[in-house]
C-alpha atoms as a PDB file:
ATOM      1  CA  MET A   1      82.318  89.714  53.149  1.00  0.00           C
ATOM      2  CA  THR A   2      85.834  88.463  53.782  1.00  0.00           C
ATOM      3  CA  SER A   3      88.752  87.565  51.534  1.00  0.00           C
ATOM      4  CA  VAL A   4      89.738  84.708  53.869  1.00  0.00           C
ATOM      5  CA  PRO A   5      87.349  81.764  54.016  1.00  0.00           C
ATOM      6  CA  ILE A   6      85.532  81.514  57.329  1.00  0.00           C
ATOM      7  CA  ALA A   7      82.695  79.184  58.302  1.00  0.00           C
ATOM      8  CA  THR A   8      79.664  79.811  56.100  1.00  0.00           C
ATOM      9  CA  LEU A   9      77.414  80.229  59.129  1.00  0.00           C
ATOM     10  CA  MET A  10      79.519  83.140  60.351  1.00  0.00           C
ATOM     11  CA  ALA A  11      79.887  84.700  56.918  1.00  0.00           C
ATOM     12  CA  GLU A  12      76.110  84.572  56.343  1.00  0.00           C
ATOM     13  CA  ARG A  13      75.081  85.788  59.801  1.00  0.00           C
ATOM     14  CA  TRP A  14      73.695  89.287  59.961  1.00  0.00           C
ATOM     15  CA  SER A  15      71.021  91.149  61.910  1.00  0.00           C
ATOM     16  CA  PRO A  16      68.116  91.997  59.611  1.00  0.00           C
ATOM     17  CA  ARG A  17      64.868  93.627  60.696  1.00  0.00           C
ATOM     18  CA  ALA A  18      62.681  92.562  57.772  1.00  0.00           C
ATOM     19  CA  TYR A  19      60.746  89.493  58.936  1.00  0.00           C
ATOM     20  CA  ASP A  20      58.031  87.571  57.108  1.00  0.00           C
ATOM     21  CA  PRO A  21      54.914  88.014  59.281  1.00  0.00           C
ATOM     22  CA  ALA A  22      53.315  84.836  57.875  1.00  0.00           C
ATOM     23  CA  ALA A  23      56.303  82.515  58.441  1.00  0.00           C
ATOM     24  CA  VAL A  24      56.303  80.169  61.417  1.00  0.00           C
ATOM     25  CA  VAL A  25      59.199  79.074  63.596  1.00  0.00           C
ATOM     26  CA  THR A  26      58.357  75.418  64.225  1.00  0.00           C
ATOM     27  CA  PRO A  27      58.642  73.634  67.584  1.00  0.00           C
ATOM     28  CA  ASP A  28      61.536  71.572  66.168  1.00  0.00           C
ATOM     29  CA  GLN A  29      63.342  74.767  65.142  1.00  0.00           C
ATOM     30  CA  VAL A  30      62.785  76.291  68.589  1.00  0.00           C
ATOM     31  CA  ARG A  31      64.198  73.124  70.159  1.00  0.00           C
ATOM     32  CA  ALA A  32      67.253  73.200  67.857  1.00  0.00           C
ATOM     33  CA  LEU A  33      67.917  76.867  68.694  1.00  0.00           C
ATOM     34  CA  LEU A  34      67.718  76.214  72.430  1.00  0.00           C
ATOM     35  CA  GLU A  35      69.833  73.044  72.206  1.00  0.00           C
ATOM     36  CA  ALA A  36      72.524  74.997  70.357  1.00  0.00           C
ATOM     37  CA  ALA A  37      72.488  77.608  73.120  1.00  0.00           C
ATOM     38  CA  ARG A  38      72.478  74.944  75.832  1.00  0.00           C
ATOM     39  CA  TRP A  39      75.660  73.343  74.484  1.00  0.00           C
ATOM     40  CA  ALA A  40      77.666  76.588  74.525  1.00  0.00           C
ATOM     41  CA  PRO A  41      80.825  76.696  76.633  1.00  0.00           C
ATOM     42  CA  SER A  42      80.780  78.506  79.973  1.00  0.00           C
ATOM     43  CA  PHE A  43      83.269  79.238  82.761  1.00  0.00           C
ATOM     44  CA  GLY A  44      83.667  76.093  84.858  1.00  0.00           C
ATOM     45  CA  ASN A  45      80.602  74.637  83.114  1.00  0.00           C
ATOM     46  CA  THR A  46      78.420  76.956  85.215  1.00  0.00           C
ATOM     47  CA  GLN A  47      75.889  77.278  82.360  1.00  0.00           C
ATOM     48  CA  PRO A  48      74.506  80.698  83.354  1.00  0.00           C
ATOM     49  CA  ALA A  49      72.348  81.222  80.244  1.00  0.00           C
ATOM     50  CA  ARG A  50      68.568  80.945  80.401  1.00  0.00           C
ATOM     51  CA  TYR A  51      65.946  81.980  77.841  1.00  0.00           C
ATOM     52  CA  LEU A  52      62.397  83.248  78.022  1.00  0.00           C
ATOM     53  CA  VAL A  53      60.659  81.940  74.896  1.00  0.00           C
ATOM     54  CA  GLY A  54      57.704  83.469  73.079  1.00  0.00           C
ATOM     55  CA  VAL A  55      56.350  82.020  69.846  1.00  0.00           C
ATOM     56  CA  ARG A  56      54.231  84.466  67.826  1.00  0.00           C
ATOM     57  CA  GLY A  57      50.577  84.145  68.783  1.00  0.00           C
ATOM     58  CA  THR A  58      51.268  83.241  72.426  1.00  0.00           C
ATOM     59  CA  PRO A  59      50.978  85.350  75.585  1.00  0.00           C
ATOM     60  CA  ALA A  60      54.750  84.974  76.129  1.00  0.00           C
ATOM     61  CA  PHE A  61      55.440  86.534  72.703  1.00  0.00           C
ATOM     62  CA  ASP A  62      53.146  89.443  73.509  1.00  0.00           C
ATOM     63  CA  ALA A  63      54.767  89.898  76.914  1.00  0.00           C
ATOM     64  CA  ILE A  64      58.275  89.966  75.421  1.00  0.00           C
ATOM     65  CA  LEU A  65      57.177  92.298  72.622  1.00  0.00           C
ATOM     66  CA  SER A  66      55.712  94.697  75.202  1.00  0.00           C
ATOM     67  CA  THR A  67      59.123  94.970  76.912  1.00  0.00           C
ATOM     68  CA  LEU A  68      60.886  96.106  73.711  1.00  0.00           C
ATOM     69  CA  ASN A  69      61.401  99.796  73.046  1.00  0.00           C
ATOM     70  CA  SER A  70      59.118 101.319  70.414  1.00  0.00           C
ATOM     71  CA  GLY A  71      61.838 101.281  67.738  1.00  0.00           C
ATOM     72  CA  ASN A  72      62.260  97.521  68.094  1.00  0.00           C
ATOM     73  CA  GLN A  73      58.516  96.885  68.431  1.00  0.00           C
ATOM     74  CA  ALA A  74      58.054  98.575  65.036  1.00  0.00           C
ATOM     75  CA  TRP A  75      59.640  95.587  63.273  1.00  0.00           C
ATOM     76  CA  ALA A  76      60.013  92.745  65.815  1.00  0.00           C
ATOM     77  CA  HIS A  77      56.263  92.069  65.907  1.00  0.00           C
ATOM     78  CA  ARG A  78      56.713  90.261  62.565  1.00  0.00           C
ATOM     79  CA  ALA A  79      59.241  87.757  63.949  1.00  0.00           C
ATOM     80  CA  GLY A  80      58.055  84.206  64.500  1.00  0.00           C
ATOM     81  CA  LEU A  81      59.886  83.939  67.818  1.00  0.00           C
ATOM     82  CA  LEU A  82      61.026  86.379  70.485  1.00  0.00           C
ATOM     83  CA  LEU A  83      63.409  85.436  73.262  1.00  0.00           C
ATOM     84  CA  ILE A  84      64.976  87.148  76.222  1.00  0.00           C
ATOM     85  CA  GLY A  85      68.462  85.956  77.156  1.00  0.00           C
ATOM     86  CA  VAL A  86      68.861  85.915  80.937  1.00  0.00           C
ATOM     87  CA  MET A  87      72.045  85.335  82.909  1.00  0.00           C
ATOM     88  CA  VAL A  88      71.874  83.559  86.244  1.00  0.00           C
ATOM     89  CA  THR A  89      74.416  85.235  88.496  1.00  0.00           C
ATOM     90  CA  THR A  90      74.543  82.761  91.415  1.00  0.00           C
ATOM     91  CA  ASN A  91      74.473  79.025  91.943  1.00  0.00           C
ATOM     92  CA  GLU A  92      74.923  76.654  94.901  1.00  0.00           C
ATOM     93  CA  LYS A  93      78.605  77.686  95.123  1.00  0.00           C
ATOM     94  CA  GLY A  94      77.936  81.446  95.161  1.00  0.00           C
ATOM     95  CA  PRO A  95      78.451  84.098  92.465  1.00  0.00           C
ATOM     96  CA  VAL A  96      78.816  82.745  88.923  1.00  0.00           C
ATOM     97  CA  PRO A  97      81.986  84.170  87.329  1.00  0.00           C
ATOM     98  CA  TYR A  98      81.688  85.466  83.779  1.00  0.00           C
ATOM     99  CA  ALA A  99      77.923  84.903  83.647  1.00  0.00           C
ATOM    100  CA  GLU A 100      77.471  87.615  81.016  1.00  0.00           C
ATOM    101  CA  TYR A 101      80.166  86.037  78.858  1.00  0.00           C
ATOM    102  CA  GLY A 102      78.432  82.654  79.168  1.00  0.00           C
ATOM    103  CA  LEU A 103      75.123  84.142  78.057  1.00  0.00           C
ATOM    104  CA  GLY A 104      76.901  85.818  75.136  1.00  0.00           C
ATOM    105  CA  LEU A 105      78.413  82.520  73.993  1.00  0.00           C
ATOM    106  CA  ALA A 106      75.063  80.747  74.283  1.00  0.00           C
ATOM    107  CA  SER A 107      73.297  83.506  72.360  1.00  0.00           C
ATOM    108  CA  GLU A 108      75.844  83.393  69.549  1.00  0.00           C
ATOM    109  CA  ASN A 109      75.325  79.626  69.310  1.00  0.00           C
ATOM    110  CA  LEU A 110      71.573  80.240  69.087  1.00  0.00           C
ATOM    111  CA  VAL A 111      72.008  82.860  66.357  1.00  0.00           C
ATOM    112  CA  LEU A 112      74.351  80.663  64.322  1.00  0.00           C
ATOM    113  CA  GLN A 113      71.902  77.761  64.641  1.00  0.00           C
ATOM    114  CA  ALA A 114      69.229  80.073  63.233  1.00  0.00           C
ATOM    115  CA  VAL A 115      71.419  80.637  60.159  1.00  0.00           C
ATOM    116  CA  GLU A 116      71.895  76.861  59.830  1.00  0.00           C
ATOM    117  CA  LEU A 117      68.095  76.459  59.849  1.00  0.00           C
ATOM    118  CA  GLY A 118      67.614  79.098  57.139  1.00  0.00           C
ATOM    119  CA  LEU A 119      66.233  81.591  59.660  1.00  0.00           C
ATOM    120  CA  ILE A 120      67.385  85.074  60.593  1.00  0.00           C
ATOM    121  CA  ALA A 121      68.040  86.470  64.054  1.00  0.00           C
ATOM    122  CA  HIS A 122      68.523  89.950  65.455  1.00  0.00           C
ATOM    123  CA  GLN A 123      69.860  90.602  68.955  1.00  0.00           C
ATOM    124  CA  MET A 124      68.637  93.734  70.748  1.00  0.00           C
ATOM    125  CA  ALA A 125      69.592  95.758  73.786  1.00  0.00           C
ATOM    126  CA  GLY A 126      66.530  98.009  73.417  1.00  0.00           C
ATOM    127  CA  PHE A 127      64.161  96.541  75.990  1.00  0.00           C
ATOM    128  CA  SER A 128      63.192  97.109  79.608  1.00  0.00           C
ATOM    129  CA  ALA A 129      64.851  94.630  81.949  1.00  0.00           C
ATOM    130  CA  ASP A 130      62.509  95.783  84.720  1.00  0.00           C
ATOM    131  CA  ALA A 131      59.469  95.045  82.553  1.00  0.00           C
ATOM    132  CA  VAL A 132      60.868  91.564  81.803  1.00  0.00           C
ATOM    133  CA  ARG A 133      61.466  90.955  85.518  1.00  0.00           C
ATOM    134  CA  SER A 134      57.886  91.911  86.287  1.00  0.00           C
ATOM    135  CA  ALA A 135      56.210  90.100  83.373  1.00  0.00           C
ATOM    136  CA  PHE A 136      58.056  86.825  83.985  1.00  0.00           C
ATOM    137  CA  SER A 137      58.520  86.948  87.790  1.00  0.00           C
ATOM    138  CA  LEU A 138      62.292  86.601  87.597  1.00  0.00           C
ATOM    139  CA  PRO A 139      64.234  85.860  90.761  1.00  0.00           C
ATOM    140  CA  GLU A 140      66.802  88.429  91.926  1.00  0.00           C
ATOM    141  CA  ASP A 141      69.789  86.492  90.518  1.00  0.00           C
ATOM    142  CA  ALA A 142      68.259  86.226  87.004  1.00  0.00           C
ATOM    143  CA  VAL A 143      69.318  89.254  84.967  1.00  0.00           C
ATOM    144  CA  PRO A 144      67.761  89.915  81.520  1.00  0.00           C
ATOM    145  CA  LYS A 145      70.530  91.033  79.148  1.00  0.00           C
ATOM    146  CA  VAL A 146      69.407  90.605  75.530  1.00  0.00           C
ATOM    147  CA  ALA A 147      66.269  90.271  73.428  1.00  0.00           C
ATOM    148  CA  ILE A 148      66.449  88.158  70.274  1.00  0.00           C
ATOM    149  CA  ALA A 149      64.040  88.087  67.341  1.00  0.00           C
ATOM    150  CA  VAL A 150      64.057  84.982  65.129  1.00  0.00           C
ATOM    151  CA  GLY A 151      62.099  84.249  61.981  1.00  0.00           C
ATOM    152  CA  SER A 152      62.155  84.073  58.218  1.00  0.00           C
ATOM    153  CA  PRO A 153      63.428  86.893  56.031  1.00  0.00           C
ATOM    154  CA  ALA A 154      61.154  89.206  54.078  1.00  0.00           C
ATOM    155  CA  ALA A 155      61.780  91.919  51.507  1.00  0.00           C
ATOM    156  CA  PRO A 156      63.103  95.124  53.118  1.00  0.00           C
ATOM    157  CA  ASP A 157      60.020  97.051  52.012  1.00  0.00           C
ATOM    158  CA  VAL A 158      57.959  95.431  54.815  1.00  0.00           C
ATOM    159  CA  LEU A 159      59.690  98.014  57.003  1.00  0.00           C
ATOM    160  CA  GLU A 160      57.789 101.290  57.063  1.00  0.00           C
ATOM    161  CA  GLU A 161      60.602 103.790  57.519  1.00  0.00           C
ATOM    162  CA  ASP A 162      62.858 104.659  54.577  1.00  0.00           C
ATOM    163  CA  TRP A 163      65.937 104.752  56.830  1.00  0.00           C
ATOM    164  CA  ARG A 164      65.251 101.217  58.030  1.00  0.00           C
ATOM    165  CA  ILE A 165      64.793  99.976  54.469  1.00  0.00           C
ATOM    166  CA  GLU A 166      68.114 101.554  53.439  1.00  0.00           C
ATOM    167  CA  ARG A 167      69.838 100.157  56.519  1.00  0.00           C
ATOM    168  CA  GLU A 168      68.504  96.703  55.653  1.00  0.00           C
ATOM    169  CA  LYS A 169      70.023  96.925  52.176  1.00  0.00           C
ATOM    170  CA  ALA A 170      73.368  98.345  53.330  1.00  0.00           C
ATOM    171  CA  GLU A 171      76.571  96.356  52.891  1.00  0.00           C
ATOM    172  CA  ARG A 172      77.906  94.709  56.038  1.00  0.00           C
ATOM    173  CA  VAL A 173      81.097  96.397  57.212  1.00  0.00           C
ATOM    174  CA  ARG A 174      83.706  95.233  59.722  1.00  0.00           C
ATOM    175  CA  LEU A 175      86.931  96.753  60.979  1.00  0.00           C
ATOM    176  CA  PRO A 176      90.001  95.673  59.030  1.00  0.00           C
ATOM    177  CA  LEU A 177      92.170  93.087  60.835  1.00  0.00           C
ATOM    178  CA  ALA A 178      94.904  95.710  61.239  1.00  0.00           C
ATOM    179  CA  GLU A 179      92.547  97.640  63.547  1.00  0.00           C
ATOM    180  CA  PHE A 180      91.210  94.527  65.266  1.00  0.00           C
ATOM    181  CA  ALA A 181      94.140  92.342  66.320  1.00  0.00           C
ATOM    182  CA  PHE A 182      97.397  93.631  67.815  1.00  0.00           C
ATOM    183  CA  THR A 183     100.781  92.248  68.822  1.00  0.00           C
ATOM    184  CA  ASP A 184     103.678  93.555  70.923  1.00  0.00           C
ATOM    185  CA  SER A 185     101.806  96.764  71.782  1.00  0.00           C
ATOM    186  CA  TRP A 186      98.331  98.220  71.431  1.00  0.00           C
ATOM    187  CA  GLY A 187      97.815  99.435  67.892  1.00  0.00           C
ATOM    188  CA  LYS A 188     100.580  97.363  66.287  1.00  0.00           C
ATOM    189  CA  PRO A 189      98.752  95.094  63.835  1.00  0.00           C
ATOM    190  CA  ALA A 190      99.180  91.369  64.369  1.00  0.00           C
ATOM    191  CA  LEU A 191      98.520  90.703  60.672  1.00  0.00           C
END
């Protein structure tokens, strides 16, 4: 982890793939996740983030799952909830500045709320935006950017592939601060 105390939610957040296929994400949990995302900051309060929501056992879940690449489908089918984060790129004033950044902030809020609820979440880029557009009849200014699986953790051995099991058990690693934050010039560590 880290030698400096950071918020527990951030320290405990990670992106596992081992989900309990019997666990349910309740309607109250779904509401809490979406409220957390809704209250994220955005440029000029433009609020560009939107979410397509599929609870396991619903047609929306199946539709989202079908848009994931085969590698993500191999494990995400066990999640209790699948979402697609969509950024709205225009509003009544014209183009929305920093829409992707706004969606990123909202999605991080959602993921941290999952940790608070005792759930796990995994964000994915491996999906077909065109398939999402088609399946959910998105307007032109609604751009799918991220898929998110949410659910309850399971033992890593629910994953079929040995490499995925090992990856699930691997220690989390981050760049040292000296390679992350600079001052005066690029590459000169701030700390």
